[in-house]
Amino acid sequence: VLVTKMLSGLLPVYNCSNLRQLSSAMGLNYETLRGWTKKNSIPFAWLLKLSKLSGIPLNPPFEIKSKTSSSSFRIPEFFSPSLARLLGLILADGHLDKKYVEFHNVDDVLLRDFIGVCKTEFGLNGVVEKGDGYSRARVYSSALSEFFSHVFKVPIGDKSGVIYLPDFVLSSSDEHVSSLLGGLFDCDGYVCNM
């Protein structure tokens, strides 16, 4: 319903009278665009783009579903301290893949913390996987990976040397910044004797 409303609002913006014309004007396949109004999930990046172009805000909480899964997850209503901590964990020892979000650490408490925050903030279950030489927590959701990539600018794939925090994160309350730094320091922080 929301996507249909956004697309309808874009018809006059692109001087179009129907979805076929709009798909051409936007450089999209007509069946793809039409599918977004029916049953198919829209990529998170396109949802953000349509919201911006149409002027129709995305007002959380709402649920989105990944393209290849029947399960959905909820977008949190606000940027909470626990979400800030999760972001810190991901920035320090996490990884975004196109199909999942994972967190590598040998500390079982931190692995459970990662899984617990994903459950409380997004309603998603995760798994702890251990093997010869690795220990990780993983949440299988391409939509969650897209969420962290587009909202928090965490790159999918290699993130070393390219971490960027949006202004809204850095200008958050002291509690939020403290939670973010707590997640970072729990993974990568240390005390040096001078």
N, C-alpha and C. Protein backbone atom coordinates (compact mmCIF):
# COMPACT_ATOMS: atom_id res chain seq x y z
N VAL A 1 0.82 -1.19 0.00
CA VAL A 1 0.00 0.00 0.00
C VAL A 1 0.87 1.26 0.00
N LEU A 2 1.92 1.28 0.85
CA LEU A 2 2.80 2.43 0.93
C LEU A 2 3.55 2.65 -0.38
N VAL A 3 4.05 1.57 -0.98
CA VAL A 3 4.78 1.69 -2.24
C VAL A 3 3.85 2.18 -3.34
N THR A 4 2.63 1.67 -3.38
CA THR A 4 1.66 2.12 -4.38
C THR A 4 1.38 3.61 -4.22
N LYS A 5 1.25 4.07 -2.99
CA LYS A 5 1.01 5.48 -2.71
C LYS A 5 2.21 6.33 -3.18
N MET A 6 3.42 5.84 -2.91
CA MET A 6 4.62 6.57 -3.34
C MET A 6 4.69 6.65 -4.86
N LEU A 7 4.44 5.52 -5.53
CA LEU A 7 4.51 5.50 -6.99
C LEU A 7 3.42 6.39 -7.60
N SER A 8 2.24 6.37 -7.03
CA SER A 8 1.16 7.24 -7.52
C SER A 8 1.54 8.70 -7.37
N GLY A 9 2.22 9.03 -6.28
CA GLY A 9 2.68 10.40 -6.07
C GLY A 9 3.77 10.82 -7.04
N LEU A 10 4.49 9.85 -7.59
CA LEU A 10 5.56 10.16 -8.54
C LEU A 10 5.08 10.32 -9.98
N LEU A 11 3.88 9.85 -10.28
CA LEU A 11 3.36 9.97 -11.65
C LEU A 11 3.40 11.42 -12.15
N PRO A 12 2.85 12.38 -11.41
CA PRO A 12 2.91 13.76 -11.89
C PRO A 12 4.33 14.35 -11.87
N VAL A 13 5.14 13.90 -10.94
CA VAL A 13 6.52 14.40 -10.85
C VAL A 13 7.29 14.06 -12.13
N TYR A 14 7.08 12.86 -12.64
CA TYR A 14 7.74 12.41 -13.86
C TYR A 14 6.88 12.66 -15.11
N ASN A 15 5.77 13.38 -14.94
CA ASN A 15 4.85 13.69 -16.05
C ASN A 15 4.38 12.42 -16.76
N CYS A 16 3.95 11.45 -15.95
CA CYS A 16 3.50 10.16 -16.46
C CYS A 16 2.04 9.95 -16.08
N SER A 17 1.36 9.13 -16.88
CA SER A 17 -0.04 8.84 -16.58
C SER A 17 -0.26 7.41 -16.09
N ASN A 18 0.78 6.57 -16.18
CA ASN A 18 0.62 5.19 -15.72
C ASN A 18 1.98 4.61 -15.29
N LEU A 19 1.92 3.43 -14.69
CA LEU A 19 3.15 2.80 -14.18
C LEU A 19 4.12 2.42 -15.29
N ARG A 20 3.61 2.05 -16.45
CA ARG A 20 4.50 1.68 -17.56
C ARG A 20 5.37 2.87 -17.96
N GLN A 21 4.75 4.05 -18.07
CA GLN A 21 5.50 5.25 -18.40
C GLN A 21 6.48 5.61 -17.28
N LEU A 22 6.03 5.45 -16.03
CA LEU A 22 6.87 5.76 -14.89
C LEU A 22 8.09 4.84 -14.84
N SER A 23 7.88 3.56 -15.11
CA SER A 23 9.00 2.62 -15.10
C SER A 23 10.04 3.01 -16.14
N SER A 24 9.59 3.42 -17.30
CA SER A 24 10.51 3.86 -18.35
C SER A 24 11.25 5.13 -17.93
N ALA A 25 10.52 6.08 -17.35
CA ALA A 25 11.13 7.35 -16.92
C ALA A 25 12.17 7.13 -15.81
N MET A 26 11.93 6.12 -14.98
CA MET A 26 12.84 5.84 -13.86
C MET A 26 13.92 4.82 -14.22
N GLY A 27 13.86 4.28 -15.44
CA GLY A 27 14.85 3.30 -15.86
C GLY A 27 14.69 1.95 -15.20
N LEU A 28 13.44 1.59 -14.91
CA LEU A 28 13.14 0.32 -14.26
C LEU A 28 12.30 -0.56 -15.18
N ASN A 29 12.45 -1.86 -15.01
CA ASN A 29 11.61 -2.81 -15.72
C ASN A 29 10.17 -2.66 -15.23
N TYR A 30 9.23 -2.62 -16.15
CA TYR A 30 7.83 -2.43 -15.79
C TYR A 30 7.33 -3.54 -14.86
N GLU A 31 7.68 -4.80 -15.15
CA GLU A 31 7.21 -5.91 -14.32
C GLU A 31 7.77 -5.82 -12.90
N THR A 32 9.00 -5.34 -12.78
CA THR A 32 9.59 -5.14 -11.46
C THR A 32 8.80 -4.10 -10.67
N LEU A 33 8.56 -2.97 -11.31
CA LEU A 33 7.82 -1.88 -10.66
C LEU A 33 6.41 -2.33 -10.29
N ARG A 34 5.75 -3.01 -11.21
CA ARG A 34 4.39 -3.50 -10.95
C ARG A 34 4.40 -4.53 -9.82
N GLY A 35 5.44 -5.36 -9.79
CA GLY A 35 5.57 -6.37 -8.73
C GLY A 35 5.68 -5.74 -7.34
N TRP A 36 6.34 -4.57 -7.28
CA TRP A 36 6.47 -3.88 -5.99
C TRP A 36 5.11 -3.45 -5.46
N THR A 37 4.15 -3.24 -6.33
CA THR A 37 2.82 -2.83 -5.89
C THR A 37 1.93 -4.04 -5.56
N LYS A 38 2.36 -5.22 -5.92
CA LYS A 38 1.56 -6.42 -5.69
C LYS A 38 2.10 -7.23 -4.51
N LYS A 39 2.99 -8.16 -4.81
CA LYS A 39 3.43 -9.10 -3.78
C LYS A 39 4.93 -9.10 -3.54
N ASN A 40 5.70 -8.64 -4.48
CA ASN A 40 7.16 -8.73 -4.35
C ASN A 40 7.69 -7.66 -3.42
N SER A 41 8.76 -8.01 -2.73
CA SER A 41 9.36 -7.03 -1.83
C SER A 41 10.22 -6.06 -2.63
N ILE A 42 10.22 -4.83 -2.20
CA ILE A 42 11.01 -3.80 -2.83
C ILE A 42 12.37 -3.73 -2.14
N PRO A 43 13.45 -3.62 -2.89
CA PRO A 43 14.75 -3.47 -2.23
C PRO A 43 14.76 -2.24 -1.33
N PHE A 44 15.40 -2.37 -0.18
CA PHE A 44 15.39 -1.29 0.81
C PHE A 44 15.91 0.01 0.22
N ALA A 45 16.94 -0.06 -0.61
CA ALA A 45 17.50 1.15 -1.23
C ALA A 45 16.44 1.86 -2.07
N TRP A 46 15.64 1.08 -2.80
CA TRP A 46 14.57 1.69 -3.61
C TRP A 46 13.45 2.24 -2.74
N LEU A 47 13.16 1.59 -1.63
CA LEU A 47 12.14 2.10 -0.72
C LEU A 47 12.56 3.47 -0.19
N LEU A 48 13.83 3.59 0.20
CA LEU A 48 14.35 4.88 0.66
C LEU A 48 14.29 5.93 -0.45
N LYS A 49 14.67 5.52 -1.65
CA LYS A 49 14.67 6.44 -2.79
C LYS A 49 13.25 6.91 -3.12
N LEU A 50 12.30 5.99 -3.15
CA LEU A 50 10.90 6.36 -3.43
C LEU A 50 10.35 7.29 -2.36
N SER A 51 10.72 7.02 -1.11
CA SER A 51 10.27 7.89 -0.02
C SER A 51 10.78 9.31 -0.23
N LYS A 52 12.06 9.42 -0.57
CA LYS A 52 12.66 10.74 -0.78
C LYS A 52 12.05 11.44 -1.99
N LEU A 53 11.92 10.73 -3.10
CA LEU A 53 11.39 11.34 -4.33
C LEU A 53 9.92 11.74 -4.19
N SER A 54 9.14 10.91 -3.50
CA SER A 54 7.70 11.17 -3.38
C SER A 54 7.37 12.14 -2.25
N GLY A 55 8.31 12.30 -1.32
CA GLY A 55 8.04 13.15 -0.16
C GLY A 55 7.18 12.46 0.89
N ILE A 56 6.98 11.17 0.73
CA ILE A 56 6.19 10.40 1.70
C ILE A 56 7.16 9.74 2.67
N PRO A 57 7.14 10.16 3.94
CA PRO A 57 8.13 9.64 4.90
C PRO A 57 7.86 8.19 5.29
N LEU A 58 8.93 7.53 5.63
CA LEU A 58 8.83 6.18 6.20
C LEU A 58 8.73 6.36 7.70
N ASN A 59 7.60 6.08 8.26
CA ASN A 59 7.40 6.27 9.69
C ASN A 59 7.41 4.93 10.40
N PRO A 60 8.57 4.56 10.97
CA PRO A 60 8.63 3.30 11.72
C PRO A 60 7.72 3.35 12.93
N PRO A 61 7.38 2.24 13.52
CA PRO A 61 7.84 0.93 13.11
C PRO A 61 7.01 0.37 11.95
N PHE A 62 7.66 -0.34 11.09
CA PHE A 62 6.99 -1.10 10.05
C PHE A 62 7.86 -2.30 9.73
N GLU A 63 7.30 -3.25 9.01
CA GLU A 63 8.04 -4.47 8.70
C GLU A 63 8.41 -4.50 7.24
N ILE A 64 9.60 -5.04 6.97
CA ILE A 64 10.01 -5.30 5.59
C ILE A 64 10.46 -6.74 5.50
N LYS A 65 10.46 -7.25 4.30
CA LYS A 65 10.78 -8.64 4.05
C LYS A 65 11.89 -8.70 3.02
N SER A 66 12.78 -9.66 3.19
CA SER A 66 13.83 -9.82 2.19
C SER A 66 13.27 -10.53 0.97
N LYS A 67 13.95 -10.33 -0.14
CA LYS A 67 13.48 -10.83 -1.42
C LYS A 67 13.35 -12.35 -1.47
N THR A 68 14.26 -13.05 -0.82
CA THR A 68 14.30 -14.51 -0.95
C THR A 68 13.74 -15.25 0.25
N SER A 69 13.15 -14.53 1.19
CA SER A 69 12.66 -15.18 2.40
C SER A 69 11.21 -14.81 2.65
N SER A 70 10.52 -15.70 3.31
CA SER A 70 9.13 -15.39 3.66
C SER A 70 9.06 -14.63 4.99
N SER A 71 10.18 -14.59 5.72
CA SER A 71 10.17 -13.90 7.00
C SER A 71 10.41 -12.41 6.82
N SER A 72 9.89 -11.63 7.74
CA SER A 72 10.06 -10.19 7.68
C SER A 72 10.71 -9.72 8.99
N PHE A 73 11.14 -8.48 9.00
CA PHE A 73 11.65 -7.91 10.23
C PHE A 73 11.12 -6.50 10.37
N ARG A 74 11.10 -6.04 11.61
CA ARG A 74 10.54 -4.72 11.85
C ARG A 74 11.66 -3.68 11.90
N ILE A 75 11.39 -2.55 11.31
CA ILE A 75 12.30 -1.41 11.39
C ILE A 75 12.00 -0.75 12.73
N PRO A 76 13.02 -0.57 13.55
CA PRO A 76 12.78 0.03 14.87
C PRO A 76 12.18 1.44 14.77
N GLU A 77 11.41 1.78 15.78
CA GLU A 77 10.74 3.08 15.79
C GLU A 77 11.72 4.22 15.97
N PHE A 78 12.81 3.99 16.67
CA PHE A 78 13.79 5.04 16.89
C PHE A 78 15.18 4.43 17.08
N PHE A 79 16.18 5.26 17.01
CA PHE A 79 17.57 4.85 17.20
C PHE A 79 17.82 4.74 18.70
N SER A 80 17.76 3.52 19.21
CA SER A 80 17.88 3.28 20.64
C SER A 80 19.34 3.05 21.04
N PRO A 81 19.65 3.17 22.33
CA PRO A 81 21.00 2.85 22.79
C PRO A 81 21.41 1.41 22.46
N SER A 82 20.48 0.46 22.53
CA SER A 82 20.85 -0.92 22.21
C SER A 82 21.16 -1.07 20.71
N LEU A 83 20.46 -0.33 19.86
CA LEU A 83 20.77 -0.34 18.43
C LEU A 83 22.13 0.32 18.18
N ALA A 84 22.44 1.37 18.94
CA ALA A 84 23.76 2.02 18.84
C ALA A 84 24.86 1.03 19.24
N ARG A 85 24.62 0.25 20.29
CA ARG A 85 25.60 -0.75 20.71
C ARG A 85 25.79 -1.81 19.63
N LEU A 86 24.68 -2.27 19.04
CA LEU A 86 24.75 -3.25 17.96
C LEU A 86 25.58 -2.70 16.80
N LEU A 87 25.36 -1.44 16.46
CA LEU A 87 26.15 -0.81 15.41
C LEU A 87 27.64 -0.83 15.77
N GLY A 88 27.97 -0.54 17.03
CA GLY A 88 29.36 -0.60 17.48
C GLY A 88 29.96 -1.99 17.32
N LEU A 89 29.20 -3.02 17.68
CA LEU A 89 29.68 -4.39 17.53
C LEU A 89 29.94 -4.72 16.07
N ILE A 90 29.01 -4.31 15.20
CA ILE A 90 29.16 -4.59 13.77
C ILE A 90 30.36 -3.84 13.19
N LEU A 91 30.53 -2.58 13.59
CA LEU A 91 31.66 -1.80 13.07
C LEU A 91 32.99 -2.41 13.51
N ALA A 92 33.04 -2.95 14.71
CA ALA A 92 34.29 -3.50 15.24
C ALA A 92 34.59 -4.88 14.67
N ASP A 93 33.69 -5.83 14.88
CA ASP A 93 33.96 -7.22 14.52
C ASP A 93 32.86 -7.83 13.64
N GLY A 94 32.08 -6.99 13.01
CA GLY A 94 30.98 -7.49 12.20
C GLY A 94 31.29 -7.49 10.72
N HIS A 95 30.37 -8.04 9.98
CA HIS A 95 30.51 -8.12 8.53
C HIS A 95 29.11 -8.18 7.92
N LEU A 96 28.91 -7.41 6.87
CA LEU A 96 27.66 -7.49 6.11
C LEU A 96 27.92 -8.24 4.82
N ASP A 97 27.12 -9.25 4.59
CA ASP A 97 27.11 -9.98 3.33
C ASP A 97 25.78 -9.66 2.68
N LYS A 98 25.63 -9.94 1.42
CA LYS A 98 24.34 -9.68 0.76
C LYS A 98 23.21 -10.49 1.37
N LYS A 99 23.54 -11.61 2.04
CA LYS A 99 22.50 -12.50 2.56
C LYS A 99 22.41 -12.55 4.08
N TYR A 100 23.36 -11.95 4.78
CA TYR A 100 23.36 -12.05 6.24
C TYR A 100 24.19 -10.94 6.86
N VAL A 101 24.03 -10.80 8.18
CA VAL A 101 24.85 -9.92 9.01
C VAL A 101 25.50 -10.84 10.03
N GLU A 102 26.82 -10.72 10.18
CA GLU A 102 27.50 -11.60 11.13
C GLU A 102 28.43 -10.81 12.02
N PHE A 103 28.77 -11.45 13.14
CA PHE A 103 29.62 -10.85 14.15
C PHE A 103 30.60 -11.91 14.62
N HIS A 104 31.89 -11.66 14.47
CA HIS A 104 32.93 -12.60 14.88
C HIS A 104 33.52 -12.19 16.22
N ASN A 105 33.55 -13.13 17.16
CA ASN A 105 34.16 -12.85 18.45
C ASN A 105 34.28 -14.16 19.21
N VAL A 106 35.27 -14.28 20.06
CA VAL A 106 35.44 -15.50 20.86
C VAL A 106 34.66 -15.44 22.17
N ASP A 107 34.16 -14.26 22.52
CA ASP A 107 33.44 -14.06 23.78
C ASP A 107 31.97 -14.44 23.60
N ASP A 108 31.56 -15.52 24.27
CA ASP A 108 30.17 -16.00 24.15
C ASP A 108 29.16 -14.95 24.61
N VAL A 109 29.53 -14.14 25.60
CA VAL A 109 28.62 -13.10 26.09
C VAL A 109 28.34 -12.09 24.97
N LEU A 110 29.37 -11.69 24.25
CA LEU A 110 29.18 -10.74 23.15
C LEU A 110 28.40 -11.37 22.00
N LEU A 111 28.64 -12.63 21.71
CA LEU A 111 27.88 -13.31 20.65
C LEU A 111 26.39 -13.35 21.01
N ARG A 112 26.09 -13.69 22.28
CA ARG A 112 24.69 -13.73 22.73
C ARG A 112 24.08 -12.33 22.74
N ASP A 113 24.89 -11.33 23.08
CA ASP A 113 24.43 -9.94 23.08
C ASP A 113 24.02 -9.54 21.66
N PHE A 114 24.85 -9.85 20.69
CA PHE A 114 24.55 -9.56 19.28
C PHE A 114 23.22 -10.21 18.87
N ILE A 115 23.08 -11.49 19.16
CA ILE A 115 21.85 -12.23 18.82
C ILE A 115 20.64 -11.62 19.54
N GLY A 116 20.80 -11.29 20.83
CA GLY A 116 19.70 -10.74 21.62
C GLY A 116 19.22 -9.40 21.12
N VAL A 117 20.15 -8.52 20.74
CA VAL A 117 19.76 -7.19 20.24
C VAL A 117 19.08 -7.32 18.88
N CYS A 118 19.57 -8.22 18.04
CA CYS A 118 18.90 -8.44 16.74
C CYS A 118 17.47 -8.92 16.95
N LYS A 119 17.26 -9.74 17.97
CA LYS A 119 15.92 -10.24 18.27
C LYS A 119 15.02 -9.13 18.82
N THR A 120 15.52 -8.36 19.79
CA THR A 120 14.66 -7.34 20.41
C THR A 120 14.42 -6.15 19.48
N GLU A 121 15.42 -5.74 18.72
CA GLU A 121 15.26 -4.56 17.86
C GLU A 121 14.55 -4.87 16.54
N PHE A 122 14.82 -6.05 15.97
CA PHE A 122 14.31 -6.36 14.63
C PHE A 122 13.38 -7.56 14.57
N GLY A 123 13.29 -8.31 15.68
CA GLY A 123 12.45 -9.51 15.67
C GLY A 123 13.05 -10.66 14.89
N LEU A 124 14.36 -10.64 14.69
CA LEU A 124 15.03 -11.67 13.91
C LEU A 124 15.83 -12.61 14.81
N ASN A 125 15.78 -13.88 14.49
CA ASN A 125 16.56 -14.88 15.21
C ASN A 125 17.92 -15.03 14.55
N GLY A 126 18.91 -15.31 15.36
CA GLY A 126 20.25 -15.56 14.85
C GLY A 126 20.76 -16.87 15.38
N VAL A 127 21.93 -17.25 14.89
CA VAL A 127 22.55 -18.48 15.33
C VAL A 127 24.01 -18.20 15.67
N VAL A 128 24.51 -18.95 16.64
CA VAL A 128 25.93 -18.93 16.96
C VAL A 128 26.53 -20.14 16.28
N GLU A 129 27.59 -19.89 15.52
CA GLU A 129 28.27 -20.96 14.79
C GLU A 129 29.72 -21.00 15.24
N LYS A 130 30.18 -22.20 15.60
CA LYS A 130 31.57 -22.37 16.03
C LYS A 130 32.18 -23.50 15.23
N GLY A 131 33.42 -23.31 14.88
CA GLY A 131 34.13 -24.35 14.14
C GLY A 131 35.60 -24.26 14.43
N ASP A 132 36.36 -24.92 13.64
CA ASP A 132 37.81 -24.94 13.81
C ASP A 132 38.39 -23.57 13.47
N GLY A 133 38.67 -22.79 14.48
CA GLY A 133 39.29 -21.49 14.27
C GLY A 133 38.34 -20.32 14.10
N TYR A 134 37.05 -20.52 14.28
CA TYR A 134 36.13 -19.39 14.20
C TYR A 134 34.99 -19.53 15.19
N SER A 135 34.45 -18.40 15.54
CA SER A 135 33.30 -18.32 16.43
C SER A 135 32.53 -17.09 16.01
N ARG A 136 31.28 -17.26 15.60
CA ARG A 136 30.53 -16.12 15.09
C ARG A 136 29.04 -16.27 15.39
N ALA A 137 28.39 -15.12 15.37
CA ALA A 137 26.92 -15.07 15.43
C ALA A 137 26.47 -14.56 14.08
N ARG A 138 25.41 -15.14 13.56
CA ARG A 138 24.96 -14.76 12.23
C ARG A 138 23.44 -14.64 12.21
N VAL A 139 22.94 -13.60 11.55
CA VAL A 139 21.52 -13.41 11.33
C VAL A 139 21.32 -13.42 9.82
N TYR A 140 20.60 -14.42 9.35
CA TYR A 140 20.38 -14.57 7.92
C TYR A 140 19.22 -13.68 7.48
N SER A 141 19.54 -12.54 6.89
CA SER A 141 18.53 -11.61 6.38
C SER A 141 19.21 -10.61 5.45
N SER A 142 18.90 -10.72 4.18
CA SER A 142 19.45 -9.76 3.21
C SER A 142 18.87 -8.37 3.47
N ALA A 143 17.64 -8.31 3.94
CA ALA A 143 17.02 -7.01 4.22
C ALA A 143 17.71 -6.31 5.40
N LEU A 144 18.11 -7.07 6.41
CA LEU A 144 18.83 -6.48 7.54
C LEU A 144 20.19 -5.95 7.08
N SER A 145 20.84 -6.70 6.22
CA SER A 145 22.12 -6.26 5.68
C SER A 145 21.94 -4.95 4.90
N GLU A 146 20.91 -4.88 4.08
CA GLU A 146 20.62 -3.65 3.33
C GLU A 146 20.30 -2.50 4.29
N PHE A 147 19.57 -2.79 5.36
CA PHE A 147 19.23 -1.77 6.33
C PHE A 147 20.50 -1.13 6.92
N PHE A 148 21.44 -1.95 7.40
CA PHE A 148 22.66 -1.40 7.97
C PHE A 148 23.51 -0.69 6.92
N SER A 149 23.47 -1.19 5.71
CA SER A 149 24.24 -0.55 4.64
C SER A 149 23.68 0.82 4.28
N HIS A 150 22.37 0.93 4.16
CA HIS A 150 21.77 2.18 3.71
C HIS A 150 21.51 3.18 4.82
N VAL A 151 21.15 2.72 5.99
CA VAL A 151 20.84 3.64 7.09
C VAL A 151 22.11 4.08 7.81
N PHE A 152 23.01 3.13 8.07
CA PHE A 152 24.22 3.44 8.86
C PHE A 152 25.50 3.50 8.03
N LYS A 153 25.36 3.31 6.72
CA LYS A 153 26.50 3.43 5.79
C LYS A 153 27.60 2.40 6.04
N VAL A 154 27.24 1.24 6.58
CA VAL A 154 28.20 0.15 6.75
C VAL A 154 28.28 -0.56 5.40
N PRO A 155 29.48 -0.66 4.82
CA PRO A 155 29.58 -1.30 3.50
C PRO A 155 29.30 -2.79 3.54
N ILE A 156 28.69 -3.29 2.50
CA ILE A 156 28.54 -4.73 2.32
C ILE A 156 29.87 -5.23 1.78
N GLY A 157 30.41 -6.27 2.41
CA GLY A 157 31.73 -6.75 2.02
C GLY A 157 32.79 -6.15 2.92
N ASP A 158 33.96 -5.93 2.35
CA ASP A 158 35.10 -5.42 3.11
C ASP A 158 34.81 -4.00 3.60
N LYS A 159 34.93 -3.79 4.91
CA LYS A 159 34.66 -2.47 5.47
C LYS A 159 35.90 -1.80 6.04
N SER A 160 37.02 -2.51 6.05
CA SER A 160 38.23 -1.94 6.66
C SER A 160 38.66 -0.68 5.90
N GLY A 161 38.84 0.39 6.64
CA GLY A 161 39.28 1.65 6.07
C GLY A 161 38.19 2.49 5.44
N VAL A 162 36.95 2.02 5.46
CA VAL A 162 35.87 2.78 4.80
C VAL A 162 34.66 2.98 5.70
N ILE A 163 34.86 2.95 6.99
CA ILE A 163 33.73 3.14 7.92
C ILE A 163 33.41 4.62 8.02
N TYR A 164 32.14 4.92 7.90
CA TYR A 164 31.63 6.29 7.97
C TYR A 164 30.38 6.26 8.83
N LEU A 165 30.25 7.20 9.73
CA LEU A 165 29.04 7.27 10.55
C LEU A 165 28.20 8.47 10.13
N PRO A 166 26.93 8.26 9.88
CA PRO A 166 26.06 9.39 9.53
C PRO A 166 25.99 10.41 10.67
N ASP A 167 25.71 11.65 10.32
CA ASP A 167 25.65 12.73 11.31
C ASP A 167 24.66 12.43 12.43
N PHE A 168 23.52 11.82 12.09
CA PHE A 168 22.50 11.58 13.13
C PHE A 168 23.03 10.65 14.22
N VAL A 169 23.97 9.78 13.89
CA VAL A 169 24.55 8.90 14.90
C VAL A 169 25.46 9.69 15.82
N LEU A 170 26.32 10.49 15.22
CA LEU A 170 27.29 11.26 16.01
C LEU A 170 26.65 12.39 16.81
N SER A 171 25.51 12.87 16.34
CA SER A 171 24.84 13.96 17.07
C SER A 171 23.76 13.44 18.01
N SER A 172 23.74 12.13 18.23
CA SER A 172 22.77 11.54 19.15
C SER A 172 23.15 11.88 20.59
N SER A 173 22.32 11.46 21.51
CA SER A 173 22.56 11.75 22.93
C SER A 173 23.85 11.09 23.41
N ASP A 174 24.33 11.54 24.56
CA ASP A 174 25.53 10.95 25.17
C ASP A 174 25.32 9.45 25.42
N GLU A 175 24.12 9.07 25.81
CA GLU A 175 23.83 7.65 26.06
C GLU A 175 23.99 6.82 24.79
N HIS A 176 23.54 7.35 23.66
CA HIS A 176 23.66 6.64 22.39
C HIS A 176 25.13 6.51 21.98
N VAL A 177 25.86 7.63 22.04
CA VAL A 177 27.27 7.61 21.66
C VAL A 177 28.05 6.70 22.59
N SER A 178 27.73 6.73 23.88
CA SER A 178 28.38 5.86 24.85
C SER A 178 28.11 4.39 24.52
N SER A 179 26.89 4.07 24.15
CA SER A 179 26.55 2.69 23.78
C SER A 179 27.29 2.25 22.52
N LEU A 180 27.37 3.13 21.54
CA LEU A 180 28.12 2.85 20.31
C LEU A 180 29.59 2.58 20.65
N LEU A 181 30.19 3.47 21.43
CA LEU A 181 31.59 3.30 21.82
C LEU A 181 31.79 2.05 22.67
N GLY A 182 30.80 1.73 23.51
CA GLY A 182 30.86 0.51 24.31
C GLY A 182 30.96 -0.73 23.43
N GLY A 183 30.15 -0.77 22.37
CA GLY A 183 30.22 -1.89 21.43
C GLY A 183 31.56 -1.96 20.74
N LEU A 184 32.09 -0.81 20.33
CA LEU A 184 33.41 -0.78 19.69
C LEU A 184 34.50 -1.24 20.64
N PHE A 185 34.50 -0.69 21.86
CA PHE A 185 35.56 -1.00 22.81
C PHE A 185 35.46 -2.42 23.36
N ASP A 186 34.25 -2.97 23.47
CA ASP A 186 34.14 -4.36 23.91
C ASP A 186 34.84 -5.31 22.94
N CYS A 187 34.95 -4.90 21.71
CA CYS A 187 35.60 -5.74 20.69
C CYS A 187 37.05 -5.34 20.43
N ASP A 188 37.29 -4.06 20.23
CA ASP A 188 38.61 -3.60 19.78
C ASP A 188 39.35 -2.72 20.77
N GLY A 189 38.75 -2.46 21.92
CA GLY A 189 39.40 -1.58 22.87
C GLY A 189 40.38 -2.31 23.78
N TYR A 190 41.36 -1.58 24.28
CA TYR A 190 42.28 -2.14 25.25
C TYR A 190 42.88 -1.00 26.08
N VAL A 191 43.46 -1.37 27.21
CA VAL A 191 44.11 -0.40 28.08
C VAL A 191 45.61 -0.60 27.94
N CYS A 192 46.30 0.47 27.72
CA CYS A 192 47.75 0.42 27.53
C CYS A 192 48.45 1.03 28.75
N ASN A 193 49.36 0.31 29.32
CA ASN A 193 50.17 0.86 30.42
C ASN A 193 51.28 1.71 29.83
N MET A 194 51.37 2.94 30.27
CA MET A 194 52.38 3.84 29.71
C MET A 194 53.54 3.99 30.67
